[in-house]
Amino acid sequence: MYPRRLLFILLTLLAASCTPTTRTPTTSTTRPTPVSSTDLAGHPLNPFTPSPNTKATLLLFITDTCPISNGYAPDIRRLAETYGPQGIAFYLVYADPDLSQADAQKHYHDYAYPCPALLDPKHDLARRAGATVTPEAAVFTASGQRIYLGRIDDRAVAYAKSRTTVTTHDLQDVLESLVHDRSVTPHTTKAVGCPIPE
């Protein structure tokens, strides 16, 4: 009787020692999810690898055929020229997976954008940002925390309907706080635009 009981105990202990232990990775060892974005020349580029002087990374999602997105081109140029030199890594993200590299390059040059642009064919950046329409902005701290997602300002009320006077400069307010080292509470606003194509 006793040998059988002892054998059972030994087999139970042996099985427990062979069972793999699952561990949840700690924050210090967790790495950001890789992204498949490329620049307009076709070179891989991950915007979440900022330089030491980067205060924040801004992804501004656009498409070449969205009239609302194209209507914001002057504002996008102004924001990029103003805040890019102040430590904001400013990227346009072409969010249409069917947009060719050549068509993206043509659109980029036609609108004279001054900041780098990315192709996001697998929507890696859109998913990470939570973006669903164009234009829509997502701002991340240097550590990768999203602190803003939403509209550029409140000009667009609905598709084909806009205010004559802008009353709230949501994105600019966030960028102003960041370049002046003021804290920004993570928040979102509702962006009005064209749905990001699947």
Protein backbone atom coordinates (compact mmCIF):
# COMPACT_ATOMS: atom_id res chain seq x y z
CA MET A 1 0.00 0.00 0.00
CA TYR A 2 2.68 2.46 1.02
CA PRO A 3 4.95 1.92 -2.01
CA ARG A 4 2.02 2.60 -4.36
CA ARG A 5 1.15 5.79 -2.48
CA LEU A 6 4.77 6.90 -2.52
CA LEU A 7 4.98 6.23 -6.27
CA PHE A 8 1.84 8.36 -6.84
CA ILE A 9 3.36 11.28 -4.90
CA LEU A 10 6.64 11.04 -6.82
CA LEU A 11 4.84 10.98 -10.18
CA THR A 12 2.74 14.02 -9.19
CA LEU A 13 5.84 16.00 -8.21
CA LEU A 14 7.61 15.00 -11.43
CA ALA A 15 4.67 16.15 -13.58
CA ALA A 16 4.51 19.50 -11.78
CA SER A 17 8.20 20.11 -12.35
CA CYS A 18 7.80 19.46 -16.10
CA THR A 19 4.91 21.89 -16.54
CA PRO A 20 6.16 25.15 -18.14
CA THR A 21 5.60 28.30 -16.14
CA THR A 22 3.91 31.19 -17.96
CA ARG A 23 5.18 34.61 -17.01
CA THR A 24 3.81 37.95 -17.92
CA PRO A 25 6.59 40.13 -19.32
CA THR A 26 7.42 43.17 -17.28
CA THR A 27 7.21 46.66 -18.64
CA SER A 28 10.98 46.92 -18.87
CA THR A 29 11.25 43.92 -21.23
CA THR A 30 8.13 44.53 -23.32
CA ARG A 31 9.01 45.84 -26.77
CA PRO A 32 6.73 47.90 -29.04
CA THR A 33 4.88 45.95 -31.70
CA PRO A 34 6.82 46.12 -34.99
CA VAL A 35 5.21 48.17 -37.74
CA SER A 36 5.32 47.61 -41.49
CA SER A 37 5.34 51.25 -42.58
CA THR A 38 7.77 52.59 -45.17
CA ASP A 39 8.72 56.05 -46.34
CA LEU A 40 7.73 57.21 -49.80
CA ALA A 41 10.96 55.83 -51.24
CA GLY A 42 10.02 52.35 -50.01
CA HIS A 43 12.47 52.21 -47.11
CA PRO A 44 11.24 50.72 -43.80
CA LEU A 45 10.67 53.46 -41.24
CA ASN A 46 9.30 53.06 -37.73
CA PRO A 47 8.17 56.43 -36.32
CA PHE A 48 8.28 55.01 -32.79
CA THR A 49 12.08 55.10 -32.70
CA PRO A 50 12.52 58.81 -31.95
CA SER A 51 15.81 60.67 -31.72
CA PRO A 52 17.05 61.80 -28.27
CA ASN A 53 15.77 65.35 -28.93
CA THR A 54 12.22 64.25 -29.80
CA LYS A 55 9.60 65.49 -27.35
CA ALA A 56 6.70 63.75 -29.06
CA THR A 57 5.70 61.95 -32.25
CA LEU A 58 2.73 63.11 -34.30
CA LEU A 59 1.06 60.84 -36.83
CA LEU A 60 -1.37 62.67 -39.07
CA PHE A 61 -3.48 60.26 -41.11
CA ILE A 62 -4.47 61.39 -44.60
CA THR A 63 -5.57 60.00 -47.95
CA ASP A 64 -5.03 61.48 -51.37
CA THR A 65 -8.72 61.55 -52.37
CA CYS A 66 -10.36 62.86 -49.19
CA PRO A 67 -11.52 66.46 -49.77
CA ILE A 68 -11.50 67.24 -46.05
CA SER A 69 -7.96 65.92 -45.68
CA ASN A 70 -6.78 67.86 -48.74
CA GLY A 71 -8.52 70.99 -47.49
CA TYR A 72 -6.36 70.89 -44.38
CA ALA A 73 -3.09 70.85 -46.35
CA PRO A 74 -2.21 74.51 -45.59
CA ASP A 75 -2.84 73.93 -41.86
CA ILE A 76 -0.78 70.72 -41.93
CA ARG A 77 2.12 72.54 -43.61
CA ARG A 78 1.97 75.34 -41.06
CA LEU A 79 1.92 72.96 -38.10
CA ALA A 80 4.79 70.88 -39.48
CA GLU A 81 6.92 73.95 -40.20
CA THR A 82 6.20 75.42 -36.77
CA TYR A 83 6.54 72.42 -34.49
CA GLY A 84 8.88 70.12 -36.39
CA PRO A 85 11.93 72.24 -35.47
CA GLN A 86 10.76 72.33 -31.82
CA GLY A 87 11.10 68.62 -31.13
CA ILE A 88 7.88 67.22 -32.60
CA ALA A 89 8.57 64.30 -34.95
CA PHE A 90 5.88 65.06 -37.51
CA TYR A 91 4.76 62.32 -39.94
CA LEU A 92 2.02 62.18 -42.52
CA VAL A 93 0.56 58.69 -42.82
CA TYR A 94 -1.10 57.66 -46.07
CA ALA A 95 -3.78 55.34 -44.73
CA ASP A 96 -5.17 53.86 -47.97
CA PRO A 97 -3.70 50.36 -48.45
CA ASP A 98 -4.45 50.50 -52.20
CA LEU A 99 -2.54 53.75 -52.76
CA SER A 100 0.56 53.12 -54.86
CA GLN A 101 3.94 54.50 -53.92
CA ALA A 102 4.00 56.62 -57.12
CA ASP A 103 0.56 58.13 -56.44
CA ALA A 104 1.52 58.90 -52.84
CA GLN A 105 4.69 60.63 -54.03
CA LYS A 106 2.73 62.69 -56.55
CA HIS A 107 0.15 63.77 -53.96
CA TYR A 108 2.88 64.60 -51.45
CA HIS A 109 4.69 66.84 -53.94
CA ASP A 110 1.49 68.40 -55.33
CA TYR A 111 0.57 69.61 -51.83
CA ALA A 112 4.16 70.59 -50.96
CA TYR A 113 4.21 68.89 -47.59
CA PRO A 114 7.41 69.71 -45.64
CA CYS A 115 7.43 66.73 -43.27
CA PRO A 116 8.23 63.03 -43.79
CA ALA A 117 5.42 60.81 -45.04
CA LEU A 118 4.75 57.11 -44.53
CA LEU A 119 2.77 54.38 -46.25
CA ASP A 120 0.75 52.22 -43.86
CA PRO A 121 -0.50 49.40 -46.13
CA LYS A 122 -1.29 46.95 -43.32
CA HIS A 123 -2.82 49.62 -41.03
CA ASP A 124 -0.25 48.91 -38.32
CA LEU A 125 0.03 52.60 -37.49
CA ALA A 126 -3.72 53.23 -37.75
CA ARG A 127 -4.46 50.39 -35.34
CA ARG A 128 -1.79 51.48 -32.87
CA ALA A 129 -3.07 55.05 -32.96
CA GLY A 130 -6.76 54.14 -33.00
CA ALA A 131 -7.31 56.29 -36.09
CA THR A 132 -10.46 55.64 -38.13
CA VAL A 133 -10.84 58.68 -40.44
CA THR A 134 -8.75 61.16 -42.38
CA PRO A 135 -7.59 63.66 -41.40
CA GLU A 136 -6.98 62.47 -37.85
CA ALA A 137 -4.01 63.19 -35.59
CA ALA A 138 -2.40 60.96 -32.98
CA VAL A 139 0.27 62.31 -30.63
CA PHE A 140 2.59 60.04 -28.66
CA THR A 141 5.14 60.89 -25.99
CA ALA A 142 8.76 59.85 -26.48
CA SER A 143 8.02 56.77 -24.35
CA GLY A 144 5.22 55.70 -26.73
CA GLN A 145 2.15 56.73 -24.70
CA ARG A 146 -0.69 58.14 -26.78
CA ILE A 147 -1.80 61.43 -25.28
CA TYR A 148 -4.05 62.76 -28.03
CA LEU A 149 -6.22 61.34 -30.79
CA GLY A 150 -8.65 63.38 -32.83
CA ARG A 151 -9.30 66.38 -35.01
CA ILE A 152 -6.91 69.13 -36.07
CA ASP A 153 -9.48 71.76 -35.11
CA ASP A 154 -13.25 72.21 -35.05
CA ARG A 155 -13.65 73.56 -38.59
CA ALA A 156 -15.27 70.39 -39.99
CA VAL A 157 -18.72 69.87 -38.51
CA ALA A 158 -19.78 67.02 -40.80
CA TYR A 159 -18.88 65.72 -44.22
CA ALA A 160 -19.25 68.67 -46.65
CA LYS A 161 -20.21 70.98 -43.79
CA SER A 162 -17.78 73.30 -42.05
CA ARG A 163 -17.58 76.41 -39.87
CA THR A 164 -16.47 79.67 -41.40
CA THR A 165 -14.47 80.45 -38.26
CA VAL A 166 -12.35 77.99 -36.29
CA THR A 167 -12.95 78.32 -32.55
CA THR A 168 -10.87 75.43 -31.13
CA HIS A 169 -7.33 74.53 -32.25
CA ASP A 170 -7.17 71.14 -30.54
CA LEU A 171 -3.98 69.76 -32.09
CA GLN A 172 -2.09 73.02 -31.90
CA ASP A 173 -2.98 73.37 -28.22
CA VAL A 174 -1.49 69.93 -27.51
CA LEU A 175 1.68 70.72 -29.44
CA GLU A 176 2.07 74.09 -27.72
CA SER A 177 1.92 72.39 -24.33
CA LEU A 178 4.48 69.79 -25.35
CA VAL A 179 7.07 72.18 -26.75
CA HIS A 180 6.78 74.32 -23.61
CA ASP A 181 7.13 71.26 -21.35
CA ARG A 182 3.63 71.53 -19.94
CA SER A 183 1.83 68.32 -19.00
CA VAL A 184 -0.92 67.06 -21.27
CA THR A 185 -3.75 64.91 -19.93
CA PRO A 186 -4.42 62.07 -22.40
CA HIS A 187 -7.64 62.80 -24.26
CA THR A 188 -9.52 62.37 -27.53
CA THR A 189 -11.75 64.48 -29.72
CA LYS A 190 -14.07 63.39 -32.52
CA ALA A 191 -12.44 63.77 -35.92
CA VAL A 192 -14.70 64.43 -38.91
CA GLY A 193 -13.48 63.12 -42.23
CA CYS A 194 -13.34 60.22 -44.65
CA PRO A 195 -13.29 56.67 -43.27
CA ILE A 196 -9.89 55.00 -43.56
CA PRO A 197 -10.22 52.44 -46.38
CA GLU A 198 -9.99 48.78 -45.41
